[in-house]
Amino acid sequence: MDIVLKPKSITRFFAFIFLLLTLAHIAVKSTSFFVGDRHVVGLFDLISLFDLDKEKNIPTFCSAAALVFCSTLLAIIALAEKKDGERLLLLVRFSSYFPVFIHR
């Protein structure tokens, strides 16, 4: 089975996600700035959901998903190289598990 991934399309996908998250962060922070300290129902939840300076929100999930995607690709490369008898297979195999464990 051949898996064909084009680097250009993957880069465009991640750039698009980055752009959307950045625009959402700017929109939510700008709204918060213009509204001020007045209580607006649901605004604080929306701010914390798209804040790039916080954890446990959508940008953090996207970061974790990107790390899992990269480690999966590295594991697939390690399996493909195993078939070819590459010498650095052990290093590549352990490297594919590393991003999963460093991200909380």
PDB file of N, CA and C in Angstrom:
ATOM      1  N   MET A   1       0.844  -1.175   0.000  1.00  0.00           N
ATOM      2  CA  MET A   1       0.000   0.000   0.000  1.00  0.00           C
ATOM      3  C   MET A   1       0.886   1.234   0.000  1.00  0.00           C
ATOM      4  N   ASP A   2       0.608   2.136  -0.908  1.00  0.00           N
ATOM      5  CA  ASP A   2       1.386   3.372  -0.998  1.00  0.00           C
ATOM      6  C   ASP A   2       0.599   4.522  -0.368  1.00  0.00           C
ATOM      7  N   ILE A   3       1.287   5.258   0.475  1.00  0.00           N
ATOM      8  CA  ILE A   3       0.716   6.460   1.072  1.00  0.00           C
ATOM      9  C   ILE A   3       1.413   7.644   0.424  1.00  0.00           C
ATOM     10  N   VAL A   4       0.642   8.482  -0.262  1.00  0.00           N
ATOM     11  CA  VAL A   4       1.215   9.626  -0.958  1.00  0.00           C
ATOM     12  C   VAL A   4       0.750  10.896  -0.257  1.00  0.00           C
ATOM     13  N   LEU A   5       1.701  11.602   0.323  1.00  0.00           N
ATOM     14  CA  LEU A   5       1.431  12.885   0.965  1.00  0.00           C
ATOM     15  C   LEU A   5       2.295  13.941   0.293  1.00  0.00           C
ATOM     16  N   LYS A   6       1.665  14.983  -0.172  1.00  0.00           N
ATOM     17  CA  LYS A   6       2.406  16.051  -0.831  1.00  0.00           C
ATOM     18  C   LYS A   6       2.799  17.096   0.202  1.00  0.00           C
ATOM     19  N   PRO A   7       4.085  17.418   0.298  1.00  0.00           N
ATOM     20  CA  PRO A   7       4.536  18.406   1.284  1.00  0.00           C
ATOM     21  C   PRO A   7       3.862  19.767   1.120  1.00  0.00           C
ATOM     22  N   LYS A   8       3.591  20.145  -0.118  1.00  0.00           N
ATOM     23  CA  LYS A   8       2.972  21.442  -0.367  1.00  0.00           C
ATOM     24  C   LYS A   8       1.554  21.499   0.211  1.00  0.00           C
ATOM     25  N   SER A   9       0.792  20.428   0.047  1.00  0.00           N
ATOM     26  CA  SER A   9      -0.581  20.423   0.566  1.00  0.00           C
ATOM     27  C   SER A   9      -0.602  20.346   2.091  1.00  0.00           C
ATOM     28  N   ILE A  10       0.324  19.616   2.682  1.00  0.00           N
ATOM     29  CA  ILE A  10       0.401  19.546   4.137  1.00  0.00           C
ATOM     30  C   ILE A  10       0.783  20.906   4.710  1.00  0.00           C
ATOM     31  N   THR A  11       1.732  21.567   4.064  1.00  0.00           N
ATOM     32  CA  THR A  11       2.147  22.899   4.516  1.00  0.00           C
ATOM     33  C   THR A  11       0.999  23.890   4.399  1.00  0.00           C
ATOM     34  N   ARG A  12       0.267  23.824   3.311  1.00  0.00           N
ATOM     35  CA  ARG A  12      -0.888  24.719   3.143  1.00  0.00           C
ATOM     36  C   ARG A  12      -1.952  24.457   4.209  1.00  0.00           C
ATOM     37  N   PHE A  13      -2.183  23.193   4.514  1.00  0.00           N
ATOM     38  CA  PHE A  13      -3.178  22.857   5.530  1.00  0.00           C
ATOM     39  C   PHE A  13      -2.796  23.437   6.889  1.00  0.00           C
ATOM     40  N   PHE A  14      -1.553  23.211   7.315  1.00  0.00           N
ATOM     41  CA  PHE A  14      -1.126  23.717   8.613  1.00  0.00           C
ATOM     42  C   PHE A  14      -1.047  25.247   8.632  1.00  0.00           C
ATOM     43  N   ALA A  15      -0.680  25.865   7.517  1.00  0.00           N
ATOM     44  CA  ALA A  15      -0.664  27.329   7.440  1.00  0.00           C
ATOM     45  C   ALA A  15      -2.085  27.883   7.536  1.00  0.00           C
ATOM     46  N   PHE A  16      -3.042  27.206   6.903  1.00  0.00           N
ATOM     47  CA  PHE A  16      -4.434  27.632   6.970  1.00  0.00           C
ATOM     48  C   PHE A  16      -4.966  27.539   8.398  1.00  0.00           C
ATOM     49  N   ILE A  17      -4.660  26.456   9.083  1.00  0.00           N
ATOM     50  CA  ILE A  17      -5.092  26.298  10.479  1.00  0.00           C
ATOM     51  C   ILE A  17      -4.459  27.382  11.351  1.00  0.00           C
ATOM     52  N   PHE A  18      -3.166  27.633  11.146  1.00  0.00           N
ATOM     53  CA  PHE A  18      -2.467  28.671  11.908  1.00  0.00           C
ATOM     54  C   PHE A  18      -3.103  30.032  11.666  1.00  0.00           C
ATOM     55  N   LEU A  19      -3.424  30.328  10.410  1.00  0.00           N
ATOM     56  CA  LEU A  19      -4.042  31.605  10.076  1.00  0.00           C
ATOM     57  C   LEU A  19      -5.417  31.735  10.715  1.00  0.00           C
ATOM     58  N   LEU A  20      -6.228  30.685  10.658  1.00  0.00           N
ATOM     59  CA  LEU A  20      -7.547  30.725  11.287  1.00  0.00           C
ATOM     60  C   LEU A  20      -7.466  30.941  12.796  1.00  0.00           C
ATOM     61  N   LEU A  21      -6.549  30.240  13.451  1.00  0.00           N
ATOM     62  CA  LEU A  21      -6.409  30.396  14.902  1.00  0.00           C
ATOM     63  C   LEU A  21      -5.918  31.791  15.265  1.00  0.00           C
ATOM     64  N   THR A  22      -5.006  32.335  14.460  1.00  0.00           N
ATOM     65  CA  THR A  22      -4.507  33.681  14.722  1.00  0.00           C
ATOM     66  C   THR A  22      -5.612  34.716  14.523  1.00  0.00           C
ATOM     67  N   LEU A  23      -6.386  34.589  13.449  1.00  0.00           N
ATOM     68  CA  LEU A  23      -7.486  35.522  13.211  1.00  0.00           C
ATOM     69  C   LEU A  23      -8.562  35.420  14.295  1.00  0.00           C
ATOM     70  N   ALA A  24      -8.849  34.207  14.745  1.00  0.00           N
ATOM     71  CA  ALA A  24      -9.822  34.038  15.828  1.00  0.00           C
ATOM     72  C   ALA A  24      -9.309  34.687  17.114  1.00  0.00           C
ATOM     73  N   HIS A  25      -8.036  34.522  17.402  1.00  0.00           N
ATOM     74  CA  HIS A  25      -7.438  35.139  18.594  1.00  0.00           C
ATOM     75  C   HIS A  25      -7.521  36.661  18.511  1.00  0.00           C
ATOM     76  N   ILE A  26      -7.177  37.225  17.355  1.00  0.00           N
ATOM     77  CA  ILE A  26      -7.224  38.683  17.185  1.00  0.00           C
ATOM     78  C   ILE A  26      -8.664  39.189  17.301  1.00  0.00           C
ATOM     79  N   ALA A  27      -9.612  38.487  16.699  1.00  0.00           N
ATOM     80  CA  ALA A  27     -11.005  38.916  16.748  1.00  0.00           C
ATOM     81  C   ALA A  27     -11.552  38.889  18.173  1.00  0.00           C
ATOM     82  N   VAL A  28     -11.252  37.819  18.900  1.00  0.00           N
ATOM     83  CA  VAL A  28     -11.774  37.693  20.257  1.00  0.00           C
ATOM     84  C   VAL A  28     -11.111  38.705  21.187  1.00  0.00           C
ATOM     85  N   LYS A  29      -9.811  38.887  21.057  1.00  0.00           N
ATOM     86  CA  LYS A  29      -9.114  39.861  21.908  1.00  0.00           C
ATOM     87  C   LYS A  29      -9.543  41.291  21.586  1.00  0.00           C
ATOM     88  N   SER A  30      -9.762  41.599  20.306  1.00  0.00           N
ATOM     89  CA  SER A  30     -10.222  42.932  19.920  1.00  0.00           C
ATOM     90  C   SER A  30     -11.616  43.201  20.470  1.00  0.00           C
ATOM     91  N   THR A  31     -12.482  42.230  20.384  1.00  0.00           N
ATOM     92  CA  THR A  31     -13.825  42.378  20.941  1.00  0.00           C
ATOM     93  C   THR A  31     -13.756  42.594  22.441  1.00  0.00           C
ATOM     94  N   SER A  32     -12.912  41.859  23.100  1.00  0.00           N
ATOM     95  CA  SER A  32     -12.743  42.019  24.542  1.00  0.00           C
ATOM     96  C   SER A  32     -12.209  43.403  24.881  1.00  0.00           C
ATOM     97  N   PHE A  33     -11.300  43.909  24.065  1.00  0.00           N
ATOM     98  CA  PHE A  33     -10.728  45.236  24.309  1.00  0.00           C
ATOM     99  C   PHE A  33     -11.777  46.326  24.130  1.00  0.00           C
ATOM    100  N   PHE A  34     -12.593  46.224  23.074  1.00  0.00           N
ATOM    101  CA  PHE A  34     -13.583  47.253  22.806  1.00  0.00           C
ATOM    102  C   PHE A  34     -14.775  47.193  23.754  1.00  0.00           C
ATOM    103  N   VAL A  35     -15.149  46.011  24.192  1.00  0.00           N
ATOM    104  CA  VAL A  35     -16.255  45.878  25.133  1.00  0.00           C
ATOM    105  C   VAL A  35     -15.817  46.319  26.525  1.00  0.00           C
ATOM    106  N   GLY A  36     -14.599  46.048  26.873  1.00  0.00           N
ATOM    107  CA  GLY A  36     -14.088  46.447  28.178  1.00  0.00           C
ATOM    108  C   GLY A  36     -14.441  45.450  29.255  1.00  0.00           C
ATOM    109  N   ASP A  37     -14.638  45.964  30.466  1.00  0.00           N
ATOM    110  CA  ASP A  37     -14.920  45.103  31.611  1.00  0.00           C
ATOM    111  C   ASP A  37     -16.400  44.798  31.771  1.00  0.00           C
ATOM    112  N   ARG A  38     -17.225  45.290  30.867  1.00  0.00           N
ATOM    113  CA  ARG A  38     -18.656  45.004  30.959  1.00  0.00           C
ATOM    114  C   ARG A  38     -18.911  43.510  30.775  1.00  0.00           C
ATOM    115  N   HIS A  39     -19.903  43.046  31.463  1.00  0.00           N
ATOM    116  CA  HIS A  39     -20.213  41.610  31.408  1.00  0.00           C
ATOM    117  C   HIS A  39     -20.967  41.295  30.123  1.00  0.00           C
ATOM    118  N   VAL A  40     -20.385  40.480  29.311  1.00  0.00           N
ATOM    119  CA  VAL A  40     -21.033  40.005  28.099  1.00  0.00           C
ATOM    120  C   VAL A  40     -21.116  38.493  28.218  1.00  0.00           C
ATOM    121  N   VAL A  41     -22.302  37.962  28.107  1.00  0.00           N
ATOM    122  CA  VAL A  41     -22.527  36.534  28.311  1.00  0.00           C
ATOM    123  C   VAL A  41     -21.749  35.728  27.264  1.00  0.00           C
ATOM    124  N   GLY A  42     -20.908  34.831  27.721  1.00  0.00           N
ATOM    125  CA  GLY A  42     -20.175  33.934  26.845  1.00  0.00           C
ATOM    126  C   GLY A  42     -18.892  34.495  26.262  1.00  0.00           C
ATOM    127  N   LEU A  43     -18.622  35.795  26.443  1.00  0.00           N
ATOM    128  CA  LEU A  43     -17.421  36.373  25.847  1.00  0.00           C
ATOM    129  C   LEU A  43     -16.157  35.846  26.513  1.00  0.00           C
ATOM    130  N   PHE A  44     -16.178  35.718  27.844  1.00  0.00           N
ATOM    131  CA  PHE A  44     -14.988  35.225  28.527  1.00  0.00           C
ATOM    132  C   PHE A  44     -14.686  33.783  28.123  1.00  0.00           C
ATOM    133  N   ASP A  45     -15.722  32.976  27.947  1.00  0.00           N
ATOM    134  CA  ASP A  45     -15.512  31.591  27.506  1.00  0.00           C
ATOM    135  C   ASP A  45     -14.897  31.551  26.117  1.00  0.00           C
ATOM    136  N   LEU A  46     -15.342  32.456  25.246  1.00  0.00           N
ATOM    137  CA  LEU A  46     -14.811  32.513  23.892  1.00  0.00           C
ATOM    138  C   LEU A  46     -13.362  32.997  23.885  1.00  0.00           C
ATOM    139  N   ILE A  47     -13.055  33.946  24.775  1.00  0.00           N
ATOM    140  CA  ILE A  47     -11.683  34.440  24.870  1.00  0.00           C
ATOM    141  C   ILE A  47     -10.753  33.327  25.325  1.00  0.00           C
ATOM    142  N   SER A  48     -11.145  32.607  26.352  1.00  0.00           N
ATOM    143  CA  SER A  48     -10.281  31.538  26.854  1.00  0.00           C
ATOM    144  C   SER A  48     -10.196  30.365  25.872  1.00  0.00           C
ATOM    145  N   LEU A  49     -11.195  30.219  25.020  1.00  0.00           N
ATOM    146  CA  LEU A  49     -11.204  29.125  24.053  1.00  0.00           C
ATOM    147  C   LEU A  49     -10.203  29.352  22.921  1.00  0.00           C
ATOM    148  N   PHE A  50      -9.960  30.617  22.539  1.00  0.00           N
ATOM    149  CA  PHE A  50      -9.071  30.919  21.420  1.00  0.00           C
ATOM    150  C   PHE A  50      -7.826  31.699  21.832  1.00  0.00           C
ATOM    151  N   ASP A  51      -7.564  31.842  23.124  1.00  0.00           N
ATOM    152  CA  ASP A  51      -6.402  32.598  23.584  1.00  0.00           C
ATOM    153  C   ASP A  51      -5.124  31.804  23.331  1.00  0.00           C
ATOM    154  N   LEU A  52      -4.203  32.412  22.614  1.00  0.00           N
ATOM    155  CA  LEU A  52      -2.947  31.728  22.282  1.00  0.00           C
ATOM    156  C   LEU A  52      -1.975  31.687  23.462  1.00  0.00           C
ATOM    157  N   ASP A  53      -2.256  32.450  24.516  1.00  0.00           N
ATOM    158  CA  ASP A  53      -1.386  32.476  25.689  1.00  0.00           C
ATOM    159  C   ASP A  53      -1.815  31.494  26.770  1.00  0.00           C
ATOM    160  N   LYS A  54      -2.908  30.813  26.577  1.00  0.00           N
ATOM    161  CA  LYS A  54      -3.440  29.900  27.589  1.00  0.00           C
ATOM    162  C   LYS A  54      -3.282  28.453  27.139  1.00  0.00           C
ATOM    163  N   GLU A  55      -3.599  27.549  28.057  1.00  0.00           N
ATOM    164  CA  GLU A  55      -3.561  26.112  27.780  1.00  0.00           C
ATOM    165  C   GLU A  55      -4.978  25.554  27.845  1.00  0.00           C
ATOM    166  N   LYS A  56      -5.136  24.306  27.448  1.00  0.00           N
ATOM    167  CA  LYS A  56      -6.417  23.586  27.462  1.00  0.00           C
ATOM    168  C   LYS A  56      -7.472  24.305  26.621  1.00  0.00           C
ATOM    169  N   ASN A  57      -7.109  24.617  25.369  1.00  0.00           N
ATOM    170  CA  ASN A  57      -8.039  25.260  24.456  1.00  0.00           C
ATOM    171  C   ASN A  57      -7.783  24.763  23.035  1.00  0.00           C
ATOM    172  N   ILE A  58      -8.405  25.385  22.062  1.00  0.00           N
ATOM    173  CA  ILE A  58      -8.312  24.913  20.676  1.00  0.00           C
ATOM    174  C   ILE A  58      -6.888  25.008  20.111  1.00  0.00           C
ATOM    175  N   PRO A  59      -6.139  26.121  20.302  1.00  0.00           N
ATOM    176  CA  PRO A  59      -4.759  26.139  19.781  1.00  0.00           C
ATOM    177  C   PRO A  59      -3.868  25.056  20.385  1.00  0.00           C
ATOM    178  N   THR A  60      -4.054  24.746  21.648  1.00  0.00           N
ATOM    179  CA  THR A  60      -3.270  23.683  22.274  1.00  0.00           C
ATOM    180  C   THR A  60      -3.615  22.326  21.675  1.00  0.00           C
ATOM    181  N   PHE A  61      -4.891  22.105  21.406  1.00  0.00           N
ATOM    182  CA  PHE A  61      -5.310  20.859  20.769  1.00  0.00           C
ATOM    183  C   PHE A  61      -4.705  20.730  19.374  1.00  0.00           C
ATOM    184  N   CYS A  62      -4.694  21.826  18.622  1.00  0.00           N
ATOM    185  CA  CYS A  62      -4.115  21.790  17.274  1.00  0.00           C
ATOM    186  C   CYS A  62      -2.618  21.507  17.329  1.00  0.00           C
ATOM    187  N   SER A  63      -1.952  22.063  18.320  1.00  0.00           N
ATOM    188  CA  SER A  63      -0.522  21.794  18.492  1.00  0.00           C
ATOM    189  C   SER A  63      -0.286  20.318  18.811  1.00  0.00           C
ATOM    190  N   ALA A  64      -1.087  19.770  19.688  1.00  0.00           N
ATOM    191  CA  ALA A  64      -0.953  18.354  20.030  1.00  0.00           C
ATOM    192  C   ALA A  64      -1.266  17.470  18.825  1.00  0.00           C
ATOM    193  N   ALA A  65      -2.279  17.844  18.061  1.00  0.00           N
ATOM    194  CA  ALA A  65      -2.631  17.066  16.867  1.00  0.00           C
ATOM    195  C   ALA A  65      -1.508  17.106  15.831  1.00  0.00           C
ATOM    196  N   ALA A  66      -0.853  18.260  15.688  1.00  0.00           N
ATOM    197  CA  ALA A  66       0.265  18.360  14.751  1.00  0.00           C
ATOM    198  C   ALA A  66       1.438  17.492  15.202  1.00  0.00           C
ATOM    199  N   LEU A  67       1.700  17.442  16.508  1.00  0.00           N
ATOM    200  CA  LEU A  67       2.773  16.587  17.015  1.00  0.00           C
ATOM    201  C   LEU A  67       2.453  15.103  16.807  1.00  0.00           C
ATOM    202  N   VAL A  68       1.221  14.724  17.035  1.00  0.00           N
ATOM    203  CA  VAL A  68       0.829  13.331  16.814  1.00  0.00           C
ATOM    204  C   VAL A  68       0.926  12.981  15.328  1.00  0.00           C
ATOM    205  N   PHE A  69       0.522  13.907  14.463  1.00  0.00           N
ATOM    206  CA  PHE A  69       0.627  13.689  13.017  1.00  0.00           C
ATOM    207  C   PHE A  69       2.083  13.493  12.605  1.00  0.00           C
ATOM    208  N   CYS A  70       2.965  14.348  13.119  1.00  0.00           N
ATOM    209  CA  CYS A  70       4.391  14.235  12.760  1.00  0.00           C
ATOM    210  C   CYS A  70       5.004  12.942  13.289  1.00  0.00           C
ATOM    211  N   SER A  71       4.645  12.561  14.501  1.00  0.00           N
ATOM    212  CA  SER A  71       5.208  11.319  15.042  1.00  0.00           C
ATOM    213  C   SER A  71       4.658  10.102  14.307  1.00  0.00           C
ATOM    214  N   THR A  72       3.415  10.179  13.849  1.00  0.00           N
ATOM    215  CA  THR A  72       2.851   9.087  13.058  1.00  0.00           C
ATOM    216  C   THR A  72       3.570   8.962  11.722  1.00  0.00           C
ATOM    217  N   LEU A  73       3.832  10.102  11.082  1.00  0.00           N
ATOM    218  CA  LEU A  73       4.591  10.074   9.830  1.00  0.00           C
ATOM    219  C   LEU A  73       5.989   9.493  10.037  1.00  0.00           C
ATOM    220  N   LEU A  74       6.614   9.857  11.145  1.00  0.00           N
ATOM    221  CA  LEU A  74       7.947   9.332  11.433  1.00  0.00           C
ATOM    222  C   LEU A  74       7.901   7.827  11.679  1.00  0.00           C
ATOM    223  N   ALA A  75       6.851   7.360  12.342  1.00  0.00           N
ATOM    224  CA  ALA A  75       6.703   5.915  12.550  1.00  0.00           C
ATOM    225  C   ALA A  75       6.477   5.190  11.230  1.00  0.00           C
ATOM    226  N   ILE A  76       5.710   5.792  10.327  1.00  0.00           N
ATOM    227  CA  ILE A  76       5.494   5.187   9.004  1.00  0.00           C
ATOM    228  C   ILE A  76       6.807   5.130   8.231  1.00  0.00           C
ATOM    229  N   ILE A  77       7.602   6.184   8.336  1.00  0.00           N
ATOM    230  CA  ILE A  77       8.920   6.191   7.680  1.00  0.00           C
ATOM    231  C   ILE A  77       9.798   5.093   8.259  1.00  0.00           C
ATOM    232  N   ALA A  78       9.744   4.921   9.589  1.00  0.00           N
ATOM    233  CA  ALA A  78      10.545   3.874  10.220  1.00  0.00           C
ATOM    234  C   ALA A  78      10.129   2.492   9.738  1.00  0.00           C
ATOM    235  N   LEU A  79       8.829   2.275   9.577  1.00  0.00           N
ATOM    236  CA  LEU A  79       8.365   0.980   9.069  1.00  0.00           C
ATOM    237  C   LEU A  79       8.782   0.768   7.618  1.00  0.00           C
ATOM    238  N   ALA A  80       8.749   1.823   6.833  1.00  0.00           N
ATOM    239  CA  ALA A  80       9.166   1.701   5.431  1.00  0.00           C
ATOM    240  C   ALA A  80      10.660   1.437   5.329  1.00  0.00           C
ATOM    241  N   GLU A  81      11.436   2.075   6.172  1.00  0.00           N
ATOM    242  CA  GLU A  81      12.882   1.866   6.155  1.00  0.00           C
ATOM    243  C   GLU A  81      13.253   0.490   6.701  1.00  0.00           C
ATOM    244  N   LYS A  82      12.407  -0.058   7.556  1.00  0.00           N
ATOM    245  CA  LYS A  82      12.662  -1.395   8.086  1.00  0.00           C
ATOM    246  C   LYS A  82      12.648  -2.417   6.954  1.00  0.00           C
ATOM    247  N   LYS A  83      11.760  -2.207   6.028  1.00  0.00           N
ATOM    248  CA  LYS A  83      11.683  -3.105   4.882  1.00  0.00           C
ATOM    249  C   LYS A  83      12.927  -2.995   4.005  1.00  0.00           C
ATOM    250  N   ASP A  84      13.518  -1.791   3.971  1.00  0.00           N
ATOM    251  CA  ASP A  84      14.715  -1.584   3.156  1.00  0.00           C
ATOM    252  C   ASP A  84      16.005  -1.935   3.903  1.00  0.00           C
ATOM    253  N   GLY A  85      15.908  -2.246   5.196  1.00  0.00           N
ATOM    254  CA  GLY A  85      17.077  -2.633   5.976  1.00  0.00           C
ATOM    255  C   GLY A  85      17.976  -1.466   6.344  1.00  0.00           C
ATOM    256  N   GLU A  86      17.391  -0.332   6.671  1.00  0.00           N
ATOM    257  CA  GLU A  86      18.179   0.854   7.032  1.00  0.00           C
ATOM    258  C   GLU A  86      18.840   0.653   8.400  1.00  0.00           C
ATOM    259  N   ARG A  87      20.026   1.226   8.583  1.00  0.00           N
ATOM    260  CA  ARG A  87      20.799   1.006   9.812  1.00  0.00           C
ATOM    261  C   ARG A  87      20.292   1.843  10.989  1.00  0.00           C
ATOM    262  N   LEU A  88      19.783   3.035  10.749  1.00  0.00           N
ATOM    263  CA  LEU A  88      19.371   3.916  11.833  1.00  0.00           C
ATOM    264  C   LEU A  88      17.911   3.717  12.236  1.00  0.00           C
ATOM    265  N   LEU A  89      17.398   2.545  12.003  1.00  0.00           N
ATOM    266  CA  LEU A  89      15.991   2.261  12.258  1.00  0.00           C
ATOM    267  C   LEU A  89      15.628   2.430  13.727  1.00  0.00           C
ATOM    268  N   LEU A  90      16.466   1.982  14.644  1.00  0.00           N
ATOM    269  CA  LEU A  90      16.161   2.068  16.069  1.00  0.00           C
ATOM    270  C   LEU A  90      16.028   3.521  16.508  1.00  0.00           C
ATOM    271  N   LEU A  91      16.917   4.381  16.040  1.00  0.00           N
ATOM    272  CA  LEU A  91      16.851   5.803  16.386  1.00  0.00           C
ATOM    273  C   LEU A  91      15.584   6.446  15.838  1.00  0.00           C
ATOM    274  N   VAL A  92      15.232   6.136  14.619  1.00  0.00           N
ATOM    275  CA  VAL A  92      14.028   6.705  14.009  1.00  0.00           C
ATOM    276  C   VAL A  92      12.779   6.188  14.711  1.00  0.00           C
ATOM    277  N   ARG A  93      12.773   4.931  15.083  1.00  0.00           N
ATOM    278  CA  ARG A  93      11.617   4.352  15.763  1.00  0.00           C
ATOM    279  C   ARG A  93      11.380   5.023  17.113  1.00  0.00           C
ATOM    280  N   PHE A  94      12.436   5.200  17.905  1.00  0.00           N
ATOM    281  CA  PHE A  94      12.274   5.860  19.201  1.00  0.00           C
ATOM    282  C   PHE A  94      11.979   7.344  19.045  1.00  0.00           C
ATOM    283  N   SER A  95      12.481   7.956  18.005  1.00  0.00           N
ATOM    284  CA  SER A  95      12.199   9.367  17.757  1.00  0.00           C
ATOM    285  C   SER A  95      10.728   9.586  17.424  1.00  0.00           C
ATOM    286  N   SER A  96      10.089   8.613  16.850  1.00  0.00           N
ATOM    287  CA  SER A  96       8.681   8.779  16.502  1.00  0.00           C
ATOM    288  C   SER A  96       7.781   8.782  17.737  1.00  0.00           C
ATOM    289  N   TYR A  97       8.217   8.182  18.829  1.00  0.00           N
ATOM    290  CA  TYR A  97       7.416   8.177  20.051  1.00  0.00           C
ATOM    291  C   TYR A  97       7.683   9.390  20.931  1.00  0.00           C
ATOM    292  N   PHE A  98       8.778  10.069  20.734  1.00  0.00           N
ATOM    293  CA  PHE A  98       9.183  11.168  21.612  1.00  0.00           C
ATOM    294  C   PHE A  98       8.189  12.325  21.642  1.00  0.00           C
ATOM    295  N   PRO A  99       7.673  12.836  20.508  1.00  0.00           N
ATOM    296  CA  PRO A  99       6.734  13.980  20.588  1.00  0.00           C
ATOM    297  C   PRO A  99       5.453  13.681  21.332  1.00  0.00           C
ATOM    298  N   VAL A 100       5.031  12.438  21.352  1.00  0.00           N
ATOM    299  CA  VAL A 100       3.792  12.091  22.061  1.00  0.00           C
ATOM    300  C   VAL A 100       3.991  12.255  23.565  1.00  0.00           C
ATOM    301  N   PHE A 101       5.180  11.943  24.068  1.00  0.00           N
ATOM    302  CA  PHE A 101       5.411  11.976  25.503  1.00  0.00           C
ATOM    303  C   PHE A 101       5.804  13.351  26.015  1.00  0.00           C
ATOM    304  N   ILE A 102       6.300  14.247  25.163  1.00  0.00           N
ATOM    305  CA  ILE A 102       6.715  15.544  25.678  1.00  0.00           C
ATOM    306  C   ILE A 102       5.575  16.537  25.765  1.00  0.00           C
ATOM    307  N   HIS A 103       4.478  16.284  25.052  1.00  0.00           N
ATOM    308  CA  HIS A 103       3.362  17.216  25.064  1.00  0.00           C
ATOM    309  C   HIS A 103       2.349  16.746  26.103  1.00  0.00           C
ATOM    310  N   ARG A 104       1.990  17.639  26.997  1.00  0.00           N
ATOM    311  CA  ARG A 104       1.044  17.275  28.057  1.00  0.00           C
ATOM    312  C   ARG A 104      -0.362  17.350  27.568  1.00  0.00           C
TER     313      ARG A 104
END
